[in-house]
Amino acid sequence: MDARPVFGIRLAFTITESGGRRTPLLGGNAPDARMQYRPNWGLPGWPDNDQTAAPVLGFGTSNIHPGDTTEAVIIPIFADHVPQWWEVGPGDVLRMHEGSRICGIATVLWADRTTLTLSDTEAERLLDRLS
């Protein structure tokens, strides 16, 4: 394939007491933070521990604490091997995993397609959709 799906999400981080992160997630949508946070995701209809990779291109805010809610753009890296990514759309709920822990719940706001090789211009286009 010459394209891959990309999603805008509203992400609610789980509080520490409910199994979420213990520390804030630093960074945001600055160019040096792009694609650095690489959680896995449980897709709609998947059993609780099934997960697949989709790094975060960028967040709508910086220095996100457990319990915070923010918007983000995620880009699945294995959509050719996990075709269920192509079925995800607005309103779907995704579980964000760090290892076996569910550290956040995301609601898909929009779905789009992007190129396999992400240019700076394309990254800016996608991140602009967060505003």
C-alpha atoms as a PDB file:
ATOM      1  CA  MET A   1       0.000   0.000   0.000  1.00  0.00           C
ATOM      2  CA  ASP A   2       1.155   3.552  -0.605  1.00  0.00           C
ATOM      3  CA  ALA A   3      -1.009   5.059   2.153  1.00  0.00           C
ATOM      4  CA  ARG A   4      -1.774   4.428   5.779  1.00  0.00           C
ATOM      5  CA  PRO A   5      -4.563   5.553   8.080  1.00  0.00           C
ATOM      6  CA  VAL A   6      -4.148   8.433  10.488  1.00  0.00           C
ATOM      7  CA  PHE A   7      -6.486   9.437  13.312  1.00  0.00           C
ATOM      8  CA  GLY A   8      -7.259  12.491  15.377  1.00  0.00           C
ATOM      9  CA  ILE A   9      -8.261  11.436  18.887  1.00  0.00           C
ATOM     10  CA  ARG A  10      -9.390  12.881  22.200  1.00  0.00           C
ATOM     11  CA  LEU A  11      -7.279  11.038  24.745  1.00  0.00           C
ATOM     12  CA  ALA A  12      -8.135  10.784  28.439  1.00  0.00           C
ATOM     13  CA  PHE A  13      -5.152   9.575  30.447  1.00  0.00           C
ATOM     14  CA  THR A  14      -5.959   7.128  33.234  1.00  0.00           C
ATOM     15  CA  ILE A  15      -5.199   8.366  36.754  1.00  0.00           C
ATOM     16  CA  THR A  16      -2.274   6.724  38.536  1.00  0.00           C
ATOM     17  CA  GLU A  17      -4.535   5.142  41.167  1.00  0.00           C
ATOM     18  CA  SER A  18      -6.423   3.299  38.418  1.00  0.00           C
ATOM     19  CA  GLY A  19      -3.286   1.886  36.801  1.00  0.00           C
ATOM     20  CA  GLY A  20      -2.217   4.866  34.703  1.00  0.00           C
ATOM     21  CA  ARG A  21       1.179   6.500  34.378  1.00  0.00           C
ATOM     22  CA  ARG A  22       3.026   7.593  37.502  1.00  0.00           C
ATOM     23  CA  THR A  23       4.756  10.516  35.813  1.00  0.00           C
ATOM     24  CA  PRO A  24       3.719  13.195  33.331  1.00  0.00           C
ATOM     25  CA  LEU A  25       4.236  12.604  29.641  1.00  0.00           C
ATOM     26  CA  LEU A  26       6.554  15.379  28.533  1.00  0.00           C
ATOM     27  CA  GLY A  27       6.514  16.870  25.059  1.00  0.00           C
ATOM     28  CA  GLY A  28       3.695  17.837  22.762  1.00  0.00           C
ATOM     29  CA  ASN A  29       3.622  18.569  19.060  1.00  0.00           C
ATOM     30  CA  ALA A  30       7.051  20.193  18.761  1.00  0.00           C
ATOM     31  CA  PRO A  31       9.042  18.799  15.813  1.00  0.00           C
ATOM     32  CA  ASP A  32      11.575  17.080  18.109  1.00  0.00           C
ATOM     33  CA  ALA A  33       8.766  15.254  19.991  1.00  0.00           C
ATOM     34  CA  ARG A  34       7.016  13.852  16.899  1.00  0.00           C
ATOM     35  CA  MET A  35       6.573  10.079  16.812  1.00  0.00           C
ATOM     36  CA  GLN A  36       8.583   9.727  20.056  1.00  0.00           C
ATOM     37  CA  TYR A  37       5.755   8.400  22.223  1.00  0.00           C
ATOM     38  CA  ARG A  38       4.905   4.916  21.003  1.00  0.00           C
ATOM     39  CA  PRO A  39       2.038   3.332  22.921  1.00  0.00           C
ATOM     40  CA  ASN A  40       0.052   0.374  21.680  1.00  0.00           C
ATOM     41  CA  TRP A  41      -3.690   0.464  21.105  1.00  0.00           C
ATOM     42  CA  GLY A  42      -6.580  -1.916  21.658  1.00  0.00           C
ATOM     43  CA  LEU A  43      -8.992  -1.609  18.757  1.00  0.00           C
ATOM     44  CA  PRO A  44     -12.807  -1.728  18.964  1.00  0.00           C
ATOM     45  CA  GLY A  45     -14.036  -5.276  19.543  1.00  0.00           C
ATOM     46  CA  TRP A  46     -10.602  -6.606  20.495  1.00  0.00           C
ATOM     47  CA  PRO A  47     -10.082  -8.536  23.757  1.00  0.00           C
ATOM     48  CA  ASP A  48      -8.609  -6.433  26.591  1.00  0.00           C
ATOM     49  CA  ASN A  49      -4.946  -7.413  26.152  1.00  0.00           C
ATOM     50  CA  ASP A  50      -4.787  -7.456  22.327  1.00  0.00           C
ATOM     51  CA  GLN A  51      -2.903  -4.426  21.055  1.00  0.00           C
ATOM     52  CA  THR A  52      -1.113  -2.980  18.033  1.00  0.00           C
ATOM     53  CA  ALA A  53       1.314  -0.103  17.485  1.00  0.00           C
ATOM     54  CA  ALA A  54       0.481   3.469  16.485  1.00  0.00           C
ATOM     55  CA  PRO A  55       2.954   6.170  17.535  1.00  0.00           C
ATOM     56  CA  VAL A  56       1.702   9.620  18.445  1.00  0.00           C
ATOM     57  CA  LEU A  57       2.622  12.185  15.803  1.00  0.00           C
ATOM     58  CA  GLY A  58       1.871  14.959  18.272  1.00  0.00           C
ATOM     59  CA  PHE A  59      -0.342  16.130  21.109  1.00  0.00           C
ATOM     60  CA  GLY A  60      -2.509  19.211  21.400  1.00  0.00           C
ATOM     61  CA  THR A  61      -0.887  20.098  24.750  1.00  0.00           C
ATOM     62  CA  SER A  62       2.451  19.547  26.473  1.00  0.00           C
ATOM     63  CA  ASN A  63       3.438  17.943  29.770  1.00  0.00           C
ATOM     64  CA  ILE A  64       0.361  15.773  30.159  1.00  0.00           C
ATOM     65  CA  HIS A  65      -0.337  14.451  33.652  1.00  0.00           C
ATOM     66  CA  PRO A  66      -2.243  11.310  34.671  1.00  0.00           C
ATOM     67  CA  GLY A  67      -5.938  12.193  34.578  1.00  0.00           C
ATOM     68  CA  ASP A  68      -5.486  14.900  31.902  1.00  0.00           C
ATOM     69  CA  THR A  69      -7.358  14.922  28.591  1.00  0.00           C
ATOM     70  CA  THR A  70      -5.819  16.166  25.344  1.00  0.00           C
ATOM     71  CA  GLU A  71      -6.111  15.710  21.615  1.00  0.00           C
ATOM     72  CA  ALA A  72      -3.518  13.863  19.563  1.00  0.00           C
ATOM     73  CA  VAL A  73      -2.770  12.470  16.131  1.00  0.00           C
ATOM     74  CA  ILE A  74      -1.781   8.801  15.869  1.00  0.00           C
ATOM     75  CA  ILE A  75      -0.434   6.931  12.853  1.00  0.00           C
ATOM     76  CA  PRO A  76      -0.612   3.111  12.827  1.00  0.00           C
ATOM     77  CA  ILE A  77       2.617   1.596  11.554  1.00  0.00           C
ATOM     78  CA  PHE A  78       1.322  -1.894  10.801  1.00  0.00           C
ATOM     79  CA  ALA A  79      -1.961  -1.150   9.018  1.00  0.00           C
ATOM     80  CA  ASP A  80      -0.947  -3.482   6.190  1.00  0.00           C
ATOM     81  CA  HIS A  81      -0.698  -6.333   8.756  1.00  0.00           C
ATOM     82  CA  VAL A  82      -3.635  -5.203  10.923  1.00  0.00           C
ATOM     83  CA  PRO A  83      -6.439  -4.423   8.469  1.00  0.00           C
ATOM     84  CA  GLN A  84      -8.828  -3.589  11.334  1.00  0.00           C
ATOM     85  CA  TRP A  85      -7.155  -0.156  11.444  1.00  0.00           C
ATOM     86  CA  TRP A  86      -8.907   0.663   8.146  1.00  0.00           C
ATOM     87  CA  GLU A  87     -12.280   0.039   9.829  1.00  0.00           C
ATOM     88  CA  VAL A  88     -11.690   2.526  12.680  1.00  0.00           C
ATOM     89  CA  GLY A  89     -13.694   5.740  12.373  1.00  0.00           C
ATOM     90  CA  PRO A  90     -15.103   8.721  14.256  1.00  0.00           C
ATOM     91  CA  GLY A  91     -16.759   7.780  17.536  1.00  0.00           C
ATOM     92  CA  ASP A  92     -14.787   4.551  17.968  1.00  0.00           C
ATOM     93  CA  VAL A  93     -13.029   4.019  21.303  1.00  0.00           C
ATOM     94  CA  LEU A  94      -9.422   2.836  21.539  1.00  0.00           C
ATOM     95  CA  ARG A  95      -7.550   1.646  24.635  1.00  0.00           C
ATOM     96  CA  MET A  96      -4.023   3.063  25.009  1.00  0.00           C
ATOM     97  CA  HIS A  97      -1.531   0.598  26.454  1.00  0.00           C
ATOM     98  CA  GLU A  98       1.907   0.943  27.969  1.00  0.00           C
ATOM     99  CA  GLY A  99       2.815  -2.695  28.255  1.00  0.00           C
ATOM    100  CA  SER A 100      -0.095  -4.528  29.853  1.00  0.00           C
ATOM    101  CA  ARG A 101      -1.470  -1.397  31.581  1.00  0.00           C
ATOM    102  CA  ILE A 102      -4.277   0.646  30.066  1.00  0.00           C
ATOM    103  CA  CYS A 103      -2.978   4.200  30.451  1.00  0.00           C
ATOM    104  CA  GLY A 104      -5.666   6.023  28.511  1.00  0.00           C
ATOM    105  CA  ILE A 105      -8.914   5.844  26.596  1.00  0.00           C
ATOM    106  CA  ALA A 106      -9.238   7.597  23.251  1.00  0.00           C
ATOM    107  CA  THR A 107     -12.271   8.564  21.223  1.00  0.00           C
ATOM    108  CA  VAL A 108     -11.614   8.904  17.496  1.00  0.00           C
ATOM    109  CA  LEU A 109     -12.559  12.386  16.288  1.00  0.00           C
ATOM    110  CA  TRP A 110     -11.568  12.000  12.630  1.00  0.00           C
ATOM    111  CA  ALA A 111      -9.905   9.555  10.254  1.00  0.00           C
ATOM    112  CA  ASP A 112      -7.748  10.390   7.250  1.00  0.00           C
ATOM    113  CA  ARG A 113      -5.025   8.848   5.129  1.00  0.00           C
ATOM    114  CA  THR A 114      -1.409   9.841   4.840  1.00  0.00           C
ATOM    115  CA  THR A 115       1.626   8.767   2.883  1.00  0.00           C
ATOM    116  CA  LEU A 116       3.971   6.031   4.041  1.00  0.00           C
ATOM    117  CA  THR A 117       6.832   8.528   4.162  1.00  0.00           C
ATOM    118  CA  LEU A 118       5.665  11.473   6.245  1.00  0.00           C
ATOM    119  CA  SER A 119       7.033  14.847   5.115  1.00  0.00           C
ATOM    120  CA  ASP A 120       7.243  17.853   7.429  1.00  0.00           C
ATOM    121  CA  THR A 121       4.524  19.529   5.355  1.00  0.00           C
ATOM    122  CA  GLU A 122       2.216  16.530   5.759  1.00  0.00           C
ATOM    123  CA  ALA A 123       2.931  16.346   9.506  1.00  0.00           C
ATOM    124  CA  GLU A 124       2.016  20.037   9.835  1.00  0.00           C
ATOM    125  CA  ARG A 125      -1.222  19.476   7.882  1.00  0.00           C
ATOM    126  CA  LEU A 126      -2.267  16.686  10.232  1.00  0.00           C
ATOM    127  CA  LEU A 127      -1.274  18.496  13.432  1.00  0.00           C
ATOM    128  CA  ASP A 128      -3.106  21.632  12.286  1.00  0.00           C
ATOM    129  CA  ARG A 129      -6.304  19.611  12.522  1.00  0.00           C
ATOM    130  CA  LEU A 130      -5.882  19.574  16.309  1.00  0.00           C
ATOM    131  CA  SER A 131      -6.626  23.306  16.521  1.00  0.00           C
END
